[in-house]
Amino acid sequence: MRNILIVMVATILMVGCGSKKKIVTKKRNASHRNERVVEKPKTETPSEVVVSTGNRGNYANATEAYIANYKSIAQEEMRKYKIPASITLAQGILESASGQGRLAVEANNHFGIKCHNWTGGKIYHDDDERQECFRKYKHANESFEDHSTFLSTRSRYAKLFKLDIDDYKGWARELRAAGYATDKKYPEKLIGLIERFELYKYDEEVLGRKRSSQKSEVQVDAPVTHQVVKGDTLYSISKKYGTTVEAIQRLNNLTDVNISLGQVLRVQ
């Protein structure tokens, strides 16, 4: 009888210890899960512009996102320097590939301004020559300000400021005539962007009036084209115009990515 009692007590003790181990293990696992689920609040970097990169999905394309981001800066430059906001935005879109070009992304340089007489930050990038020096800015609005100063302080652009401030066609043509760009189609490209995305509305807002009805020489739906030069690829062209390789292939009935020098491609 005594032996039986000893066995029963030992059994009870063993079961009790096993239960305690199970309970402890369960608590440890629950604690481990809690540590993985609970996260510290994320600290968000204040956005310099209205729309952050993460919200670009709300727009049809990168160009629309770019306009939403920088229209207010362009309008402020218009108030200060009398340069049409529409022209500033169109130039920024064209020269920064809608903010996706390397200079814009890594240096906040939206207008491709080089390092002449510059003591600030620098970035080196292949352009007309290999590894040319370009200005690097802390914030994009500094790039817009520098662009305005560039146009307003150089004598060769003086004729621009004799034009009506809402004459974006005249501004586009005179920029080319003054030597801002060597591309013969530069004026048409600017005008096409302004009318396709109705950038003239931002001039109207600054001036507090609406333009008189005026038909454009370049219709809103007129195709934007690109002539292939040495070094071009469908990918690089798509980035330049804020579109995709597939879209260019579709517009030009291309079945592969092969292109040839001098070939004129429809890009928009």
Protein backbone atom coordinates (compact mmCIF):
# COMPACT_ATOMS: atom_id res chain seq x y z
CA MET A 1 0.00 0.00 0.00
CA ARG A 2 2.83 2.33 0.85
CA ASN A 3 4.50 1.59 -2.44
CA ILE A 4 1.28 2.44 -4.29
CA LEU A 5 1.03 5.83 -2.53
CA ILE A 6 4.65 6.67 -3.44
CA VAL A 7 3.99 5.91 -7.14
CA MET A 8 0.83 8.06 -7.17
CA VAL A 9 2.62 11.06 -5.60
CA ALA A 10 5.50 10.80 -8.07
CA THR A 11 3.03 10.67 -11.00
CA ILE A 12 1.19 13.78 -9.77
CA LEU A 13 4.49 15.69 -9.43
CA MET A 14 5.58 14.72 -12.95
CA VAL A 15 2.25 15.82 -14.48
CA GLY A 16 2.36 19.09 -12.57
CA CYS A 17 5.87 19.89 -13.80
CA GLY A 18 4.87 19.08 -17.37
CA SER A 19 1.89 21.46 -17.16
CA LYS A 20 4.05 24.25 -15.86
CA LYS A 21 6.49 23.80 -18.73
CA LYS A 22 3.68 24.01 -21.25
CA ILE A 23 2.33 27.19 -19.69
CA VAL A 24 5.77 28.82 -19.65
CA THR A 25 6.39 27.89 -23.27
CA LYS A 26 3.05 29.34 -24.31
CA LYS A 27 3.78 32.62 -22.55
CA ARG A 28 7.20 32.88 -24.13
CA ASN A 29 5.79 32.29 -27.59
CA ALA A 30 3.05 34.86 -27.07
CA SER A 31 5.62 37.36 -25.86
CA HIS A 32 7.78 36.67 -28.92
CA ARG A 33 4.85 37.26 -31.27
CA ASN A 34 4.01 40.55 -29.58
CA GLU A 35 7.57 41.80 -30.01
CA ARG A 36 7.37 41.16 -33.77
CA VAL A 37 3.95 42.77 -34.25
CA VAL A 38 4.46 45.96 -32.28
CA GLU A 39 6.46 48.54 -34.29
CA LYS A 40 7.75 51.93 -33.37
CA PRO A 41 5.98 54.80 -35.12
CA LYS A 42 7.74 55.71 -38.37
CA THR A 43 9.22 59.17 -38.61
CA GLU A 44 8.25 60.71 -41.93
CA THR A 45 10.53 63.16 -43.67
CA PRO A 46 8.64 66.41 -44.33
CA SER A 47 7.77 66.66 -48.01
CA GLU A 48 9.16 69.67 -49.83
CA VAL A 49 6.39 69.55 -52.41
CA VAL A 50 2.70 68.85 -52.48
CA VAL A 51 2.76 65.28 -53.74
CA SER A 52 5.24 62.71 -52.46
CA THR A 53 6.78 60.06 -54.70
CA GLY A 54 4.64 57.42 -53.07
CA ASN A 55 1.45 59.13 -54.26
CA ARG A 56 2.38 59.16 -57.94
CA GLY A 57 0.07 56.21 -58.49
CA ASN A 58 -2.83 58.64 -58.16
CA TYR A 59 -1.80 60.26 -61.46
CA ALA A 60 -2.03 58.96 -65.00
CA ASN A 61 1.69 59.36 -65.55
CA ALA A 62 4.89 60.85 -64.16
CA THR A 63 4.30 64.14 -65.97
CA GLU A 64 1.01 64.78 -64.19
CA ALA A 65 2.69 64.00 -60.87
CA TYR A 66 5.51 66.40 -61.74
CA ILE A 67 3.04 69.20 -62.49
CA ALA A 68 1.22 68.61 -59.20
CA ASN A 69 4.54 68.73 -57.36
CA TYR A 70 6.08 71.83 -58.88
CA LYS A 71 3.30 74.08 -60.20
CA SER A 72 3.29 76.23 -57.06
CA ILE A 73 7.05 76.80 -57.29
CA ALA A 74 6.74 77.74 -60.97
CA GLN A 75 3.96 80.20 -60.14
CA GLU A 76 6.04 81.81 -57.40
CA GLU A 77 8.91 82.21 -59.88
CA MET A 78 6.47 83.84 -62.29
CA ARG A 79 5.47 86.40 -59.65
CA LYS A 80 9.09 87.22 -58.84
CA TYR A 81 10.77 87.09 -62.25
CA LYS A 82 7.92 87.54 -64.78
CA ILE A 83 8.64 84.21 -66.47
CA PRO A 84 5.47 82.30 -67.46
CA ALA A 85 4.86 79.39 -65.09
CA SER A 86 3.79 77.36 -68.11
CA ILE A 87 7.21 77.81 -69.73
CA THR A 88 9.07 76.95 -66.52
CA LEU A 89 7.01 73.79 -66.02
CA ALA A 90 7.32 72.69 -69.64
CA GLN A 91 11.09 73.18 -69.58
CA GLY A 92 11.34 71.27 -66.29
CA ILE A 93 9.25 68.39 -67.66
CA LEU A 94 11.29 68.19 -70.86
CA GLU A 95 14.75 68.60 -69.37
CA SER A 96 14.32 66.46 -66.25
CA ALA A 97 12.26 63.67 -67.87
CA SER A 98 9.37 64.63 -65.59
CA GLY A 99 11.66 64.62 -62.56
CA GLN A 100 12.95 61.11 -63.23
CA GLY A 101 16.28 62.00 -64.81
CA ARG A 102 19.49 61.40 -62.85
CA LEU A 103 20.28 65.10 -62.35
CA ALA A 104 16.81 65.74 -60.92
CA VAL A 105 16.81 62.66 -58.70
CA GLU A 106 20.36 62.90 -57.34
CA ALA A 107 21.06 66.63 -57.55
CA ASN A 108 17.64 68.37 -57.58
CA ASN A 109 18.81 69.92 -60.86
CA HIS A 110 15.71 70.14 -63.07
CA PHE A 111 17.12 72.33 -65.84
CA GLY A 112 20.53 70.85 -66.56
CA ILE A 113 22.43 73.96 -65.44
CA LYS A 114 26.18 73.38 -65.43
CA CYS A 115 28.83 74.51 -62.94
CA HIS A 116 29.91 77.79 -64.58
CA ASN A 117 30.77 80.32 -61.83
CA TRP A 118 29.41 77.93 -59.21
CA THR A 119 30.78 77.29 -55.71
CA GLY A 120 28.02 75.02 -54.40
CA GLY A 121 27.53 71.26 -54.59
CA LYS A 122 28.46 69.44 -57.78
CA ILE A 123 27.57 66.28 -59.66
CA TYR A 124 29.32 64.83 -62.71
CA HIS A 125 27.26 63.52 -65.61
CA ASP A 126 27.80 62.61 -69.26
CA ASP A 127 26.28 65.24 -71.55
CA ASP A 128 27.91 66.86 -74.59
CA GLU A 129 31.14 65.51 -73.13
CA ARG A 130 31.93 62.81 -70.59
CA GLN A 131 31.58 63.62 -66.88
CA GLU A 132 30.66 67.28 -67.19
CA CYS A 133 30.09 69.28 -64.01
CA PHE A 134 26.50 70.18 -63.09
CA ARG A 135 25.15 72.15 -60.18
CA LYS A 136 23.78 70.23 -57.22
CA TYR A 137 21.06 71.74 -55.02
CA LYS A 138 19.77 70.84 -51.57
CA HIS A 139 16.16 71.47 -52.62
CA ALA A 140 14.35 71.52 -55.95
CA ASN A 141 13.08 75.07 -55.43
CA GLU A 142 16.71 76.26 -55.54
CA SER A 143 16.98 74.78 -59.02
CA PHE A 144 13.86 76.68 -60.14
CA GLU A 145 15.23 79.89 -58.62
CA ASP A 146 18.56 79.41 -60.38
CA HIS A 147 16.78 78.82 -63.69
CA SER A 148 14.86 82.08 -63.27
CA THR A 149 18.04 83.98 -62.41
CA PHE A 150 19.80 82.40 -65.38
CA LEU A 151 17.18 83.72 -67.82
CA SER A 152 16.63 87.12 -66.21
CA THR A 153 20.26 88.18 -65.86
CA ARG A 154 21.72 87.22 -69.25
CA SER A 155 21.52 89.81 -72.00
CA ARG A 156 20.85 87.31 -74.76
CA TYR A 157 17.49 86.49 -73.16
CA ALA A 158 16.45 90.15 -72.82
CA LYS A 159 13.96 89.89 -75.70
CA LEU A 160 11.99 87.31 -73.75
CA PHE A 161 10.97 89.90 -71.18
CA LYS A 162 9.61 92.23 -73.86
CA LEU A 163 7.01 89.62 -74.77
CA ASP A 164 3.61 89.42 -73.08
CA ILE A 165 3.90 87.31 -69.98
CA ASP A 166 1.07 85.02 -71.15
CA ASP A 167 2.50 84.59 -74.67
CA TYR A 168 3.92 81.12 -74.09
CA LYS A 169 4.29 80.51 -77.83
CA GLY A 170 6.45 83.60 -78.21
CA TRP A 171 8.53 82.60 -75.18
CA ALA A 172 9.04 79.08 -76.55
CA ARG A 173 10.24 80.38 -79.93
CA GLU A 174 12.48 83.10 -78.49
CA LEU A 175 14.18 80.64 -76.13
CA ARG A 176 15.28 78.64 -79.16
CA ALA A 177 16.25 81.78 -81.09
CA ALA A 178 18.34 83.04 -78.15
CA GLY A 179 20.32 79.81 -78.11
CA TYR A 180 18.84 78.12 -75.05
CA ALA A 181 18.48 74.87 -77.01
CA THR A 182 19.93 73.56 -80.26
CA ASP A 183 16.98 71.26 -80.97
CA LYS A 184 15.04 72.80 -83.86
CA LYS A 185 11.84 71.31 -82.48
CA TYR A 186 12.37 72.69 -78.97
CA PRO A 187 9.62 75.37 -79.33
CA GLU A 188 7.10 72.83 -80.64
CA LYS A 189 7.92 70.45 -77.80
CA LEU A 190 7.35 73.15 -75.18
CA ILE A 191 4.13 74.33 -76.80
CA GLY A 192 2.92 70.76 -77.15
CA LEU A 193 3.47 70.08 -73.44
CA ILE A 194 1.82 73.36 -72.40
CA GLU A 195 -1.30 72.65 -74.43
CA ARG A 196 -1.53 68.93 -73.78
CA PHE A 197 -1.41 69.44 -70.01
CA GLU A 198 -3.06 72.90 -70.05
CA LEU A 199 -0.11 74.48 -68.26
CA TYR A 200 -1.30 77.93 -69.36
CA LYS A 201 -3.91 77.66 -66.58
CA TYR A 202 -1.17 78.33 -64.04
CA ASP A 203 -0.28 81.57 -65.84
CA GLU A 204 -3.94 82.57 -65.67
CA GLU A 205 -4.08 81.91 -61.94
CA VAL A 206 -1.10 84.19 -61.30
CA LEU A 207 -2.47 86.92 -63.57
CA GLY A 208 -5.99 86.59 -62.18
CA ARG A 209 -7.53 86.35 -65.62
CA LYS A 210 -8.23 83.92 -68.41
CA ARG A 211 -6.55 84.02 -71.76
CA SER A 212 -8.50 85.06 -74.83
CA SER A 213 -9.49 82.07 -76.91
CA GLN A 214 -6.61 81.17 -79.13
CA LYS A 215 -6.08 78.13 -81.31
CA SER A 216 -2.69 76.56 -81.14
CA GLU A 217 -0.49 75.81 -84.07
CA VAL A 218 0.31 72.59 -82.25
CA GLN A 219 -2.91 70.81 -81.37
CA VAL A 220 -3.33 69.12 -78.03
CA ASP A 221 -3.51 65.71 -79.65
CA ALA A 222 -0.68 66.38 -82.10
CA PRO A 223 1.99 63.69 -81.77
CA VAL A 224 5.29 64.48 -80.07
CA THR A 225 8.21 62.92 -81.93
CA HIS A 226 11.86 62.17 -81.23
CA GLN A 227 14.63 61.72 -83.80
CA VAL A 228 17.04 58.97 -82.79
CA VAL A 229 20.62 60.11 -82.17
CA LYS A 230 23.76 58.18 -81.27
CA GLY A 231 23.45 56.49 -77.88
CA ASP A 232 19.64 56.48 -77.83
CA THR A 233 17.74 53.39 -76.73
CA LEU A 234 14.01 52.91 -76.37
CA TYR A 235 14.53 52.87 -72.61
CA SER A 236 16.45 56.17 -72.51
CA ILE A 237 13.91 57.79 -74.84
CA SER A 238 11.00 56.59 -72.70
CA LYS A 239 12.60 58.13 -69.59
CA LYS A 240 13.22 61.42 -71.40
CA TYR A 241 9.55 61.81 -72.28
CA GLY A 242 8.02 60.28 -69.17
CA THR A 243 6.55 57.27 -70.96
CA THR A 244 7.35 53.55 -71.30
CA VAL A 245 9.14 51.34 -73.83
CA GLU A 246 5.91 49.44 -74.47
CA ALA A 247 4.00 52.66 -75.21
CA ILE A 248 6.62 53.78 -77.76
CA GLN A 249 6.59 50.36 -79.40
CA ARG A 250 2.80 50.48 -79.65
CA LEU A 251 2.75 54.00 -81.13
CA ASN A 252 5.34 53.05 -83.76
CA ASN A 253 4.27 49.46 -84.49
CA LEU A 254 7.62 48.13 -83.30
CA THR A 255 7.97 44.43 -82.57
CA ASP A 256 11.37 44.68 -80.86
CA VAL A 257 13.69 47.28 -79.30
CA ASN A 258 15.86 47.86 -82.36
CA ILE A 259 16.02 51.49 -83.58
CA SER A 260 18.26 53.27 -86.09
CA LEU A 261 20.05 56.63 -86.25
CA GLY A 262 17.85 59.34 -87.71
CA GLN A 263 14.65 57.36 -87.17
CA VAL A 264 11.73 59.55 -86.10
CA LEU A 265 9.68 57.97 -83.33
CA ARG A 266 6.34 59.06 -82.01
CA VAL A 267 6.68 59.26 -78.22
CA GLN A 268 3.38 60.85 -77.13
